[in-house]
C-alpha atoms as a PDB file:
ATOM      1  CA  MET A   1     142.752 -87.990  61.573  1.00  0.00           C
ATOM      2  CA  MET A   2     143.353 -91.603  62.519  1.00  0.00           C
ATOM      3  CA  LYS A   3     146.988 -92.468  63.126  1.00  0.00           C
ATOM      4  CA  ASN A   4     148.520 -95.534  61.530  1.00  0.00           C
ATOM      5  CA  THR A   5     147.386 -98.392  63.766  1.00  0.00           C
ATOM      6  CA  ASN A   6     149.174-101.719  64.096  1.00  0.00           C
ATOM      7  CA  VAL A   7     146.765-104.618  64.524  1.00  0.00           C
ATOM      8  CA  MET A   8     147.857-108.115  65.529  1.00  0.00           C
ATOM      9  CA  VAL A   9     145.805-111.297  65.220  1.00  0.00           C
ATOM     10  CA  TRP A  10     147.031-114.436  66.975  1.00  0.00           C
ATOM     11  CA  ASN A  11     145.804-117.815  68.176  1.00  0.00           C
ATOM     12  CA  VAL A  12     148.058-118.292  71.210  1.00  0.00           C
ATOM     13  CA  LEU A  13     147.260-122.006  71.873  1.00  0.00           C
ATOM     14  CA  ALA A  14     145.258-122.412  75.052  1.00  0.00           C
ATOM     15  CA  HIS A  15     146.927-124.508  77.723  1.00  0.00           C
ATOM     16  CA  ILE A  16     143.669-126.413  78.189  1.00  0.00           C
ATOM     17  CA  HIS A  17     143.868-127.622  74.567  1.00  0.00           C
ATOM     18  CA  THR A  18     147.428-128.942  74.707  1.00  0.00           C
ATOM     19  CA  HIS A  19     146.178-132.478  75.357  1.00  0.00           C
ATOM     20  CA  HIS A  20     145.765-132.628  71.576  1.00  0.00           C
ATOM     21  CA  GLN A  21     149.557-132.292  71.197  1.00  0.00           C
ATOM     22  CA  ALA A  22     150.749-134.691  73.901  1.00  0.00           C
ATOM     23  CA  LYS A  23     153.248-136.287  71.513  1.00  0.00           C
ATOM     24  CA  SER A  24     154.735-132.880  70.775  1.00  0.00           C
ATOM     25  CA  HIS A  25     155.198-131.773  74.389  1.00  0.00           C
ATOM     26  CA  GLY A  26     156.308-135.235  75.510  1.00  0.00           C
ATOM     27  CA  GLY A  27     153.469-136.069  77.889  1.00  0.00           C
ATOM     28  CA  GLU A  28     151.321-139.144  78.210  1.00  0.00           C
ATOM     29  CA  GLU A  29     148.411-139.566  75.818  1.00  0.00           C
ATOM     30  CA  LYS A  30     145.826-136.764  76.197  1.00  0.00           C
ATOM     31  CA  SER A  31     147.883-135.066  78.926  1.00  0.00           C
ATOM     32  CA  LEU A  32     148.399-131.308  79.182  1.00  0.00           C
ATOM     33  CA  GLU A  33     151.767-129.624  78.881  1.00  0.00           C
ATOM     34  CA  THR A  34     153.568-129.214  82.204  1.00  0.00           C
ATOM     35  CA  VAL A  35     153.360-126.049  84.276  1.00  0.00           C
ATOM     36  CA  ALA A  36     156.979-125.231  83.439  1.00  0.00           C
ATOM     37  CA  GLN A  37     156.326-125.706  79.706  1.00  0.00           C
ATOM     38  CA  ARG A  38     153.256-123.505  79.875  1.00  0.00           C
ATOM     39  CA  TYR A  39     155.112-120.818  81.775  1.00  0.00           C
ATOM     40  CA  ALA A  40     157.978-120.809  79.256  1.00  0.00           C
ATOM     41  CA  ARG A  41     155.526-120.592  76.323  1.00  0.00           C
ATOM     42  CA  HIS A  42     153.732-117.670  77.944  1.00  0.00           C
ATOM     43  CA  LEU A  43     157.039-115.859  78.345  1.00  0.00           C
ATOM     44  CA  LEU A  44     157.655-116.285  74.620  1.00  0.00           C
ATOM     45  CA  ILE A  45     154.173-114.969  73.785  1.00  0.00           C
ATOM     46  CA  GLY A  46     154.751-111.996  76.051  1.00  0.00           C
ATOM     47  CA  LYS A  47     158.067-111.278  74.403  1.00  0.00           C
ATOM     48  CA  VAL A  48     156.403-111.104  70.988  1.00  0.00           C
ATOM     49  CA  LEU A  49     153.764-108.670  72.228  1.00  0.00           C
ATOM     50  CA  ASN A  50     156.415-106.485  73.804  1.00  0.00           C
ATOM     51  CA  ARG A  51     158.710-106.633  70.769  1.00  0.00           C
ATOM     52  CA  GLN A  52     156.021-105.909  68.176  1.00  0.00           C
ATOM     53  CA  ALA A  53     154.080-103.553  70.506  1.00  0.00           C
ATOM     54  CA  PRO A  54     150.878-103.619  68.419  1.00  0.00           C
ATOM     55  CA  ASP A  55     148.253-100.988  69.187  1.00  0.00           C
ATOM     56  CA  LEU A  56     145.395-103.511  68.996  1.00  0.00           C
ATOM     57  CA  VAL A  57     145.583-107.270  69.565  1.00  0.00           C
ATOM     58  CA  LEU A  58     142.873-109.792  68.642  1.00  0.00           C
ATOM     59  CA  LEU A  59     143.611-113.090  70.400  1.00  0.00           C
ATOM     60  CA  GLN A  60     142.077-116.563  70.175  1.00  0.00           C
ATOM     61  CA  GLU A  61     142.407-119.624  72.416  1.00  0.00           C
ATOM     62  CA  VAL A  62     142.850-117.529  75.533  1.00  0.00           C
ATOM     63  CA  ASP A  63     142.312-119.274  78.852  1.00  0.00           C
ATOM     64  CA  GLU A  64     142.771-118.199  82.454  1.00  0.00           C
ATOM     65  CA  THR A  65     146.322-119.488  82.674  1.00  0.00           C
ATOM     66  CA  LEU A  66     147.323-116.730  80.234  1.00  0.00           C
ATOM     67  CA  ILE A  67     144.873-113.913  80.995  1.00  0.00           C
ATOM     68  CA  PRO A  68     142.585-114.008  84.046  1.00  0.00           C
ATOM     69  CA  ASN A  69     138.888-113.611  83.382  1.00  0.00           C
ATOM     70  CA  ASN A  70     137.187-112.686  86.621  1.00  0.00           C
ATOM     71  CA  GLN A  71     139.675-110.878  88.849  1.00  0.00           C
ATOM     72  CA  VAL A  72     140.180-107.162  89.338  1.00  0.00           C
ATOM     73  CA  ARG A  73     143.916-107.283  90.102  1.00  0.00           C
ATOM     74  CA  ILE A  74     146.290-110.026  89.093  1.00  0.00           C
ATOM     75  CA  GLN A  75     149.994-110.801  89.081  1.00  0.00           C
ATOM     76  CA  LEU A  76     150.317-112.216  85.580  1.00  0.00           C
ATOM     77  CA  PRO A  77     152.749-115.109  85.206  1.00  0.00           C
ATOM     78  CA  TRP A  78     155.371-113.010  83.424  1.00  0.00           C
ATOM     79  CA  LYS A  79     155.109-109.738  85.341  1.00  0.00           C
ATOM     80  CA  ASP A  80     158.248-108.218  86.834  1.00  0.00           C
ATOM     81  CA  ASP A  81     157.873-104.666  88.144  1.00  0.00           C
ATOM     82  CA  SER A  82     161.602-104.041  87.729  1.00  0.00           C
ATOM     83  CA  MET A  83     161.221-104.020  83.946  1.00  0.00           C
ATOM     84  CA  ASN A  84     159.497-101.537  81.666  1.00  0.00           C
ATOM     85  CA  TYR A  85     156.805-103.586  79.931  1.00  0.00           C
ATOM     86  CA  ALA A  86     154.276-102.446  77.370  1.00  0.00           C
ATOM     87  CA  ARG A  87     150.912-102.110  79.122  1.00  0.00           C
ATOM     88  CA  TYR A  88     147.570-103.152  77.694  1.00  0.00           C
ATOM     89  CA  SER A  89     144.021-103.077  78.937  1.00  0.00           C
ATOM     90  CA  TYR A  90     142.217-106.252  78.036  1.00  0.00           C
ATOM     91  CA  HIS A  91     138.677-107.460  77.453  1.00  0.00           C
ATOM     92  CA  THR A  92     137.809-111.154  77.382  1.00  0.00           C
ATOM     93  CA  ALA A  93     134.962-113.332  76.159  1.00  0.00           C
ATOM     94  CA  MET A  94     135.620-116.679  77.789  1.00  0.00           C
ATOM     95  CA  SER A  95     133.004-119.318  78.522  1.00  0.00           C
ATOM     96  CA  ARG A  96     132.774-123.001  79.285  1.00  0.00           C
ATOM     97  CA  GLY A  97     131.092-124.236  76.132  1.00  0.00           C
ATOM     98  CA  ARG A  98     128.836-127.262  76.008  1.00  0.00           C
ATOM     99  CA  HIS A  99     129.918-128.817  79.339  1.00  0.00           C
ATOM    100  CA  ALA A 100     129.752-127.063  82.700  1.00  0.00           C
ATOM    101  CA  GLU A 101     133.045-128.606  83.770  1.00  0.00           C
ATOM    102  CA  THR A 102     134.916-127.384  80.673  1.00  0.00           C
ATOM    103  CA  PRO A 103     137.601-124.807  81.627  1.00  0.00           C
ATOM    104  CA  LEU A 104     137.059-121.212  80.565  1.00  0.00           C
ATOM    105  CA  GLU A 105     138.460-120.468  77.111  1.00  0.00           C
ATOM    106  CA  GLY A 106     137.679-118.010  74.345  1.00  0.00           C
ATOM    107  CA  VAL A 107     138.850-114.821  72.662  1.00  0.00           C
ATOM    108  CA  ALA A 108     140.285-111.551  73.931  1.00  0.00           C
ATOM    109  CA  ILE A 109     141.078-108.048  72.702  1.00  0.00           C
ATOM    110  CA  LEU A 110     144.015-106.008  74.017  1.00  0.00           C
ATOM    111  CA  LEU A 111     144.263-102.227  73.698  1.00  0.00           C
ATOM    112  CA  LYS A 112     147.621-100.531  74.101  1.00  0.00           C
ATOM    113  CA  GLU A 113     147.233 -98.103  76.979  1.00  0.00           C
ATOM    114  CA  GLY A 114     147.426 -94.445  76.003  1.00  0.00           C
ATOM    115  CA  VAL A 115     146.659 -95.241  72.349  1.00  0.00           C
ATOM    116  CA  TRP A 116     143.204 -96.860  72.185  1.00  0.00           C
ATOM    117  CA  GLU A 117     140.488 -97.295  74.808  1.00  0.00           C
ATOM    118  CA  ARG A 118     137.005 -98.758  74.997  1.00  0.00           C
ATOM    119  CA  ASP A 119     134.328 -96.435  73.622  1.00  0.00           C
ATOM    120  CA  PRO A 120     131.878 -95.964  76.524  1.00  0.00           C
ATOM    121  CA  SER A 121     129.178 -94.625  74.210  1.00  0.00           C
ATOM    122  CA  CYS A 122     128.760 -98.051  72.556  1.00  0.00           C
ATOM    123  CA  ARG A 123     128.124-101.443  74.070  1.00  0.00           C
ATOM    124  CA  ALA A 124     130.531-104.347  73.780  1.00  0.00           C
ATOM    125  CA  MET A 125     129.079-107.748  73.030  1.00  0.00           C
ATOM    126  CA  ARG A 126     130.176-111.310  73.656  1.00  0.00           C
ATOM    127  CA  VAL A 127     128.974-113.745  71.024  1.00  0.00           C
ATOM    128  CA  GLU A 128     128.682-116.771  73.282  1.00  0.00           C
ATOM    129  CA  LYS A 129     129.404-120.398  72.471  1.00  0.00           C
ATOM    130  CA  THR A 130     126.366-122.331  71.231  1.00  0.00           C
ATOM    131  CA  ALA A 131     125.830-125.504  69.224  1.00  0.00           C
ATOM    132  CA  ALA A 132     124.763-123.446  66.185  1.00  0.00           C
ATOM    133  CA  ARG A 133     128.047-121.524  66.378  1.00  0.00           C
ATOM    134  CA  GLY A 134     130.092-124.715  66.701  1.00  0.00           C
ATOM    135  CA  TRP A 135     130.836-124.003  70.373  1.00  0.00           C
ATOM    136  CA  LYS A 136     133.117-121.154  69.308  1.00  0.00           C
ATOM    137  CA  SER A 137     132.943-117.498  70.312  1.00  0.00           C
ATOM    138  CA  ALA A 138     133.596-113.911  69.272  1.00  0.00           C
ATOM    139  CA  LEU A 139     133.990-110.538  70.975  1.00  0.00           C
ATOM    140  CA  VAL A 140     132.731-107.232  69.526  1.00  0.00           C
ATOM    141  CA  LEU A 141     134.395-104.200  71.132  1.00  0.00           C
ATOM    142  CA  PRO A 142     133.891-100.536  70.090  1.00  0.00           C
ATOM    143  CA  VAL A 143     137.020 -98.458  70.791  1.00  0.00           C
ATOM    144  CA  ARG A 144     138.210 -94.889  70.344  1.00  0.00           C
ATOM    145  CA  GLN A 145     141.585 -93.171  70.046  1.00  0.00           C
ATOM    146  CA  CYS A 146     142.725 -91.874  73.438  1.00  0.00           C
ATOM    147  CA  ASP A 147     143.781 -88.455  72.147  1.00  0.00           C
ATOM    148  CA  ASN A 148     141.030 -88.087  69.534  1.00  0.00           C
ATOM    149  CA  HIS A 149     137.648 -89.466  70.582  1.00  0.00           C
ATOM    150  CA  SER A 150     136.187 -88.778  67.161  1.00  0.00           C
ATOM    151  CA  GLU A 151     138.320 -91.608  65.758  1.00  0.00           C
ATOM    152  CA  ARG A 152     136.397 -94.799  66.469  1.00  0.00           C
ATOM    153  CA  LEU A 153     136.635 -98.435  65.438  1.00  0.00           C
ATOM    154  CA  THR A 154     134.754-101.628  66.195  1.00  0.00           C
ATOM    155  CA  LEU A 155     137.054-104.575  66.798  1.00  0.00           C
ATOM    156  CA  ILE A 156     135.942-108.188  66.416  1.00  0.00           C
ATOM    157  CA  SER A 157     138.010-111.184  67.493  1.00  0.00           C
ATOM    158  CA  VAL A 158     136.642-114.494  66.185  1.00  0.00           C
ATOM    159  CA  HIS A 159     137.469-118.187  66.393  1.00  0.00           C
ATOM    160  CA  LEU A 160     135.536-120.321  63.927  1.00  0.00           C
ATOM    161  CA  LYS A 161     134.730-124.020  64.101  1.00  0.00           C
ATOM    162  CA  TYR A 162     136.802-126.415  62.027  1.00  0.00           C
ATOM    163  CA  ASP A 163     134.972-128.289  59.255  1.00  0.00           C
ATOM    164  CA  ASN A 164     131.534-126.750  59.911  1.00  0.00           C
ATOM    165  CA  ASP A 165     130.599-124.142  57.299  1.00  0.00           C
ATOM    166  CA  ASN A 166     127.169-123.404  58.781  1.00  0.00           C
ATOM    167  CA  ALA A 167     128.668-122.717  62.207  1.00  0.00           C
ATOM    168  CA  LYS A 168     131.280-120.429  60.682  1.00  0.00           C
ATOM    169  CA  MET A 169     128.660-118.412  58.830  1.00  0.00           C
ATOM    170  CA  LYS A 170     126.418-118.229  61.900  1.00  0.00           C
ATOM    171  CA  LEU A 171     129.159-116.904  64.186  1.00  0.00           C
ATOM    172  CA  LEU A 172     130.266-114.261  61.684  1.00  0.00           C
ATOM    173  CA  GLN A 173     126.675-113.153  61.017  1.00  0.00           C
ATOM    174  CA  ASP A 174     125.922-112.886  64.731  1.00  0.00           C
ATOM    175  CA  ALA A 175     129.094-110.909  65.361  1.00  0.00           C
ATOM    176  CA  MET A 176     128.403-108.489  62.511  1.00  0.00           C
ATOM    177  CA  SER A 177     124.808-108.031  63.665  1.00  0.00           C
ATOM    178  CA  ALA A 178     126.191-106.442  66.838  1.00  0.00           C
ATOM    179  CA  VAL A 179     128.044-103.734  64.905  1.00  0.00           C
ATOM    180  CA  ALA A 180     126.498-100.272  64.846  1.00  0.00           C
ATOM    181  CA  GLU A 181     125.483 -98.976  61.441  1.00  0.00           C
ATOM    182  CA  GLY A 182     128.291 -97.091  59.735  1.00  0.00           C
ATOM    183  CA  ALA A 183     130.994 -98.298  62.135  1.00  0.00           C
ATOM    184  CA  ASP A 184     134.504 -98.882  60.820  1.00  0.00           C
ATOM    185  CA  VAL A 185     135.336-102.517  61.533  1.00  0.00           C
ATOM    186  CA  ILE A 186     138.525-104.517  61.962  1.00  0.00           C
ATOM    187  CA  LEU A 187     137.778-108.236  62.237  1.00  0.00           C
ATOM    188  CA  GLY A 188     140.340-110.976  62.626  1.00  0.00           C
ATOM    189  CA  GLY A 189     140.982-114.391  64.006  1.00  0.00           C
ATOM    190  CA  ASP A 190     141.434-118.087  63.458  1.00  0.00           C
ATOM    191  CA  PHE A 191     138.965-119.027  60.711  1.00  0.00           C
ATOM    192  CA  ASN A 192     139.975-122.699  60.595  1.00  0.00           C
ATOM    193  CA  THR A 193     139.496-122.330  56.831  1.00  0.00           C
ATOM    194  CA  LYS A 194     142.202-122.758  54.224  1.00  0.00           C
ATOM    195  CA  LEU A 195     142.617-120.156  51.520  1.00  0.00           C
ATOM    196  CA  GLU A 196     141.161-122.459  48.862  1.00  0.00           C
ATOM    197  CA  HIS A 197     137.867-122.561  50.798  1.00  0.00           C
ATOM    198  CA  ILE A 198     137.687-118.951  52.029  1.00  0.00           C
ATOM    199  CA  ALA A 199     135.557-117.562  49.163  1.00  0.00           C
ATOM    200  CA  PRO A 200     132.126-118.064  50.853  1.00  0.00           C
ATOM    201  CA  LEU A 201     133.333-116.298  54.003  1.00  0.00           C
ATOM    202  CA  ASP A 202     134.898-113.542  51.903  1.00  0.00           C
ATOM    203  CA  ALA A 203     131.538-113.062  50.177  1.00  0.00           C
ATOM    204  CA  LEU A 204     129.670-112.971  53.475  1.00  0.00           C
ATOM    205  CA  LEU A 205     131.936-110.325  54.953  1.00  0.00           C
ATOM    206  CA  GLN A 206     132.010-108.320  51.720  1.00  0.00           C
ATOM    207  CA  ALA A 207     128.228-108.030  52.056  1.00  0.00           C
ATOM    208  CA  TYR A 208     128.936-106.201  55.335  1.00  0.00           C
ATOM    209  CA  GLY A 209     131.511-103.961  53.636  1.00  0.00           C
ATOM    210  CA  LEU A 210     134.634-105.808  54.804  1.00  0.00           C
ATOM    211  CA  TYR A 211     137.507-107.035  52.679  1.00  0.00           C
ATOM    212  CA  ARG A 212     140.358-109.377  53.526  1.00  0.00           C
ATOM    213  CA  ILE A 213     143.938-108.134  53.706  1.00  0.00           C
ATOM    214  CA  PRO A 214     145.973-110.794  51.886  1.00  0.00           C
ATOM    215  CA  SER A 215     149.080-112.368  53.334  1.00  0.00           C
ATOM    216  CA  ALA A 216     152.130-113.400  51.333  1.00  0.00           C
ATOM    217  CA  PRO A 217     151.448-116.408  49.078  1.00  0.00           C
ATOM    218  CA  HIS A 218     152.340-119.855  50.434  1.00  0.00           C
ATOM    219  CA  VAL A 219     153.271-118.566  53.890  1.00  0.00           C
ATOM    220  CA  PRO A 220     151.365-120.733  56.412  1.00  0.00           C
ATOM    221  CA  THR A 221     149.812-119.374  59.587  1.00  0.00           C
ATOM    222  CA  SER A 222     149.457-122.698  61.429  1.00  0.00           C
ATOM    223  CA  LEU A 223     151.248-126.009  61.831  1.00  0.00           C
ATOM    224  CA  GLY A 224     147.884-127.764  61.780  1.00  0.00           C
ATOM    225  CA  SER A 225     146.896-130.903  63.657  1.00  0.00           C
ATOM    226  CA  ALA A 226     149.822-132.829  62.164  1.00  0.00           C
ATOM    227  CA  MET A 227     152.250-130.257  63.615  1.00  0.00           C
ATOM    228  CA  ARG A 228     154.032-129.970  60.273  1.00  0.00           C
ATOM    229  CA  TYR A 229     154.989-126.960  58.192  1.00  0.00           C
ATOM    230  CA  SER A 230     152.816-126.807  55.063  1.00  0.00           C
ATOM    231  CA  PRO A 231     152.492-123.831  52.663  1.00  0.00           C
ATOM    232  CA  GLU A 232     148.767-124.616  52.315  1.00  0.00           C
ATOM    233  CA  SER A 233     148.055-124.188  56.036  1.00  0.00           C
ATOM    234  CA  VAL A 234     146.805-120.584  55.884  1.00  0.00           C
ATOM    235  CA  ILE A 235     143.783-120.309  58.227  1.00  0.00           C
ATOM    236  CA  ASP A 236     144.142-116.959  60.065  1.00  0.00           C
ATOM    237  CA  TYR A 237     142.951-113.688  58.509  1.00  0.00           C
ATOM    238  CA  ILE A 238     142.375-109.951  59.008  1.00  0.00           C
ATOM    239  CA  TYR A 239     139.438-108.059  57.443  1.00  0.00           C
ATOM    240  CA  VAL A 240     138.819-104.299  57.445  1.00  0.00           C
ATOM    241  CA  GLY A 241     135.941-102.031  56.485  1.00  0.00           C
ATOM    242  CA  CYS A 242     135.845-100.241  53.142  1.00  0.00           C
ATOM    243  CA  LYS A 243     136.813 -96.886  54.721  1.00  0.00           C
ATOM    244  CA  LEU A 244     140.050 -98.431  56.015  1.00  0.00           C
ATOM    245  CA  ARG A 245     143.085 -99.767  54.210  1.00  0.00           C
ATOM    246  CA  SER A 246     146.326-101.591  54.902  1.00  0.00           C
ATOM    247  CA  VAL A 247     149.456 -99.475  54.531  1.00  0.00           C
ATOM    248  CA  LEU A 248     151.254-102.524  53.123  1.00  0.00           C
ATOM    249  CA  SER A 249     149.784-104.701  50.386  1.00  0.00           C
ATOM    250  CA  THR A 250     149.897-107.791  52.614  1.00  0.00           C
ATOM    251  CA  CYS A 251     149.850-108.743  56.285  1.00  0.00           C
ATOM    252  CA  VAL A 252     153.136-109.527  57.958  1.00  0.00           C
ATOM    253  CA  VAL A 253     153.096-113.200  59.017  1.00  0.00           C
ATOM    254  CA  GLY A 254     155.157-114.148  62.045  1.00  0.00           C
ATOM    255  CA  PRO A 255     157.258-117.297  62.393  1.00  0.00           C
ATOM    256  CA  LEU A 256     156.071-120.814  63.052  1.00  0.00           C
ATOM    257  CA  PRO A 257     157.966-123.174  65.360  1.00  0.00           C
ATOM    258  CA  PRO A 258     159.648-126.378  64.168  1.00  0.00           C
ATOM    259  CA  ASP A 259     157.745-129.424  62.960  1.00  0.00           C
ATOM    260  CA  ILE A 260     156.695-132.216  65.336  1.00  0.00           C
ATOM    261  CA  LYS A 261     157.596-130.594  68.677  1.00  0.00           C
ATOM    262  CA  GLY A 262     156.189-127.245  67.664  1.00  0.00           C
ATOM    263  CA  PRO A 263     156.200-124.577  70.405  1.00  0.00           C
ATOM    264  CA  TRP A 264     157.824-127.009  72.856  1.00  0.00           C
ATOM    265  CA  GLU A 265     160.983-127.391  70.774  1.00  0.00           C
ATOM    266  CA  GLY A 266     164.060-126.081  72.569  1.00  0.00           C
ATOM    267  CA  LEU A 267     162.281-124.657  75.614  1.00  0.00           C
ATOM    268  CA  GLU A 268     164.691-124.257  78.520  1.00  0.00           C
ATOM    269  CA  LEU A 269     162.494-124.852  81.532  1.00  0.00           C
ATOM    270  CA  ASP A 270     163.184-123.159  84.842  1.00  0.00           C
ATOM    271  CA  PRO A 271     161.051-124.756  87.593  1.00  0.00           C
ATOM    272  CA  LYS A 272     161.608-121.682  89.773  1.00  0.00           C
ATOM    273  CA  LEU A 273     159.561-119.595  87.362  1.00  0.00           C
ATOM    274  CA  ALA A 274     156.550-121.884  87.726  1.00  0.00           C
ATOM    275  CA  ILE A 275     156.722-122.721  91.416  1.00  0.00           C
ATOM    276  CA  ALA A 276     153.866-120.371  92.368  1.00  0.00           C
ATOM    277  CA  HIS A 277     151.599-121.526  89.560  1.00  0.00           C
ATOM    278  CA  THR A 278     149.531-124.674  89.305  1.00  0.00           C
ATOM    279  CA  THR A 279     147.811-126.256  86.317  1.00  0.00           C
ATOM    280  CA  ASP A 280     144.666-124.414  87.413  1.00  0.00           C
ATOM    281  CA  GLY A 281     146.268-121.111  86.492  1.00  0.00           C
ATOM    282  CA  PRO A 282     147.784-118.139  88.324  1.00  0.00           C
ATOM    283  CA  ARG A 283     146.343-117.054  91.653  1.00  0.00           C
ATOM    284  CA  SER A 284     146.023-113.527  92.995  1.00  0.00           C
ATOM    285  CA  GLU A 285     145.275-112.008  96.358  1.00  0.00           C
ATOM    286  CA  GLU A 286     141.766-111.325  95.115  1.00  0.00           C
ATOM    287  CA  SER A 287     139.091-113.945  95.683  1.00  0.00           C
ATOM    288  CA  ASN A 288     138.671-116.168  92.650  1.00  0.00           C
ATOM    289  CA  SER A 289     134.905-115.922  93.101  1.00  0.00           C
ATOM    290  CA  THR A 290     134.759-112.180  92.401  1.00  0.00           C
ATOM    291  CA  ALA A 291     132.358-112.006  89.461  1.00  0.00           C
ATOM    292  CA  VAL A 292     130.639-109.049  87.850  1.00  0.00           C
ATOM    293  CA  GLN A 293     127.085-108.643  89.083  1.00  0.00           C
ATOM    294  CA  GLY A 294     124.619-110.092  86.622  1.00  0.00           C
ATOM    295  CA  GLN A 295     127.199-112.350  84.947  1.00  0.00           C
ATOM    296  CA  ARG A 296     127.712-116.058  85.445  1.00  0.00           C
ATOM    297  CA  SER A 297     130.539-116.858  87.805  1.00  0.00           C
ATOM    298  CA  GLY A 298     133.704-116.929  85.717  1.00  0.00           C
ATOM    299  CA  ASP A 299     132.400-114.661  82.947  1.00  0.00           C
ATOM    300  CA  ARG A 300     133.988-111.195  82.902  1.00  0.00           C
ATOM    301  CA  ASP A 301     131.970-108.288  81.534  1.00  0.00           C
ATOM    302  CA  PRO A 302     133.795-107.409  78.276  1.00  0.00           C
ATOM    303  CA  GLU A 303     133.128-103.702  78.869  1.00  0.00           C
ATOM    304  CA  THR A 304     135.263-103.711  82.023  1.00  0.00           C
ATOM    305  CA  PRO A 305     138.916-103.166  81.070  1.00  0.00           C
ATOM    306  CA  GLN A 306     141.597-105.087  82.932  1.00  0.00           C
ATOM    307  CA  SER A 307     145.313-104.472  82.825  1.00  0.00           C
ATOM    308  CA  ALA A 308     148.169-106.654  81.628  1.00  0.00           C
ATOM    309  CA  THR A 309     151.899-106.282  81.058  1.00  0.00           C
ATOM    310  CA  PHE A 310     154.128-108.264  78.724  1.00  0.00           C
ATOM    311  CA  PRO A 311     157.830-109.095  78.999  1.00  0.00           C
ATOM    312  CA  VAL A 312     160.999-108.396  77.106  1.00  0.00           C
ATOM    313  CA  ARG A 313     162.701-111.703  77.880  1.00  0.00           C
ATOM    314  CA  ASN A 314     162.013-114.899  75.973  1.00  0.00           C
ATOM    315  CA  GLY A 315     162.068-117.599  78.645  1.00  0.00           C
ATOM    316  CA  GLY A 316     165.380-119.078  77.523  1.00  0.00           C
ATOM    317  CA  PHE A 317     164.389-120.498  74.139  1.00  0.00           C
ATOM    318  CA  SER A 318     167.279-121.721  72.028  1.00  0.00           C
ATOM    319  CA  ASN A 319     166.762-122.808  68.438  1.00  0.00           C
ATOM    320  CA  LYS A 320     168.721-126.051  68.161  1.00  0.00           C
ATOM    321  CA  ASN A 321     167.735-126.726  64.557  1.00  0.00           C
ATOM    322  CA  PRO A 322     169.221-124.114  62.178  1.00  0.00           C
ATOM    323  CA  ASN A 323     166.686-125.089  59.506  1.00  0.00           C
ATOM    324  CA  CYS A 324     163.586-124.464  61.621  1.00  0.00           C
ATOM    325  CA  ARG A 325     161.794-121.201  62.137  1.00  0.00           C
ATOM    326  CA  LEU A 326     161.758-119.203  65.363  1.00  0.00           C
ATOM    327  CA  ASN A 327     159.544-120.350  68.236  1.00  0.00           C
ATOM    328  CA  ASP A 328     157.151-117.644  69.440  1.00  0.00           C
ATOM    329  CA  GLY A 329     155.236-119.915  71.815  1.00  0.00           C
ATOM    330  CA  SER A 330     152.230-121.043  69.763  1.00  0.00           C
ATOM    331  CA  ASP A 331     151.426-123.458  66.942  1.00  0.00           C
ATOM    332  CA  HIS A 332     149.956-120.486  65.038  1.00  0.00           C
ATOM    333  CA  ALA A 333     151.841-117.567  63.535  1.00  0.00           C
ATOM    334  CA  TRP A 334     150.785-114.045  64.437  1.00  0.00           C
ATOM    335  CA  LEU A 335     149.549-111.670  61.728  1.00  0.00           C
ATOM    336  CA  LEU A 336     150.309-107.955  61.786  1.00  0.00           C
ATOM    337  CA  ALA A 337     148.750-105.250  59.624  1.00  0.00           C
ATOM    338  CA  THR A 338     149.162-101.476  59.712  1.00  0.00           C
ATOM    339  CA  ILE A 339     145.746 -99.872  59.186  1.00  0.00           C
ATOM    340  CA  THR A 340     144.890 -96.312  58.237  1.00  0.00           C
ATOM    341  CA  ARG A 341     141.970 -94.477  56.684  1.00  0.00           C
ATOM    342  CA  ARG A 342     141.322 -94.194  52.973  1.00  0.00           C
ATOM    343  CA  PHE A 343     141.427 -90.638  51.622  1.00  0.00           C
END
């Protein structure tokens, strides 16, 4: 029997996209956040993962400064061997999009070690960025319970294009077409679609036997481009197959950071923490050119698990505004659902 499984969905705000929020992080127009800011945000993200300790994590806006894509061994920016961190294997689907010089960015799936593992009997699939998909991506990953291989799921992490309904439908259809017949699916991600416009996507996924787990009414999951708290800004969702159900009636929605400055509000920056890291991302002793045979350089085979650890500490964040919500390091809130089988 499948154990209760905690599933988290979270857009963690890729460093390479922070030029859109230059006013919030205090940089010049179209500039990226600083290395110290990025490092402090990543510590906050790691703290959340360690505190919540979800069994399965579906991430969006992952780039190589957070999780490396093409290296076998890596010292992640928050790792400290003196502390007992929760360990995850991870599978990424990063690509460069429409321009060859665009940094790697995409989605990822994390599996808590000793709980879930990749199912070697089924093939994982990256749904690559194309114009028809709005230059967004998805990852389809079959997994099995470590202590009961008969319990299997197919996980799908998606990031849909803003303001392009055809691209949204195309990406979801292509992701679902990679799912084996009869598989039990958990799909989640950043849909870039407000609740008032979600009905067509609900209908599409219901045709594949999936239904959306609601979140609490008027609790936003994103600050949006204006970096302001708005009850209507619900754009992240979790869907499950008809043989699965949520233990609670709604998803748990994590906190959003304060308005305007967003995830950069109140960060206490320690330059010592970032001294070994450049804006190009963390470096390891492994050659950065180590790519999987048959893949483009920089594209990691999603079937090859990597390993990551996440921290307990929070990078020194202090909430200076008693009226604002807690800063977890992203402009999106995380969603958490406890999934079990229907009887």
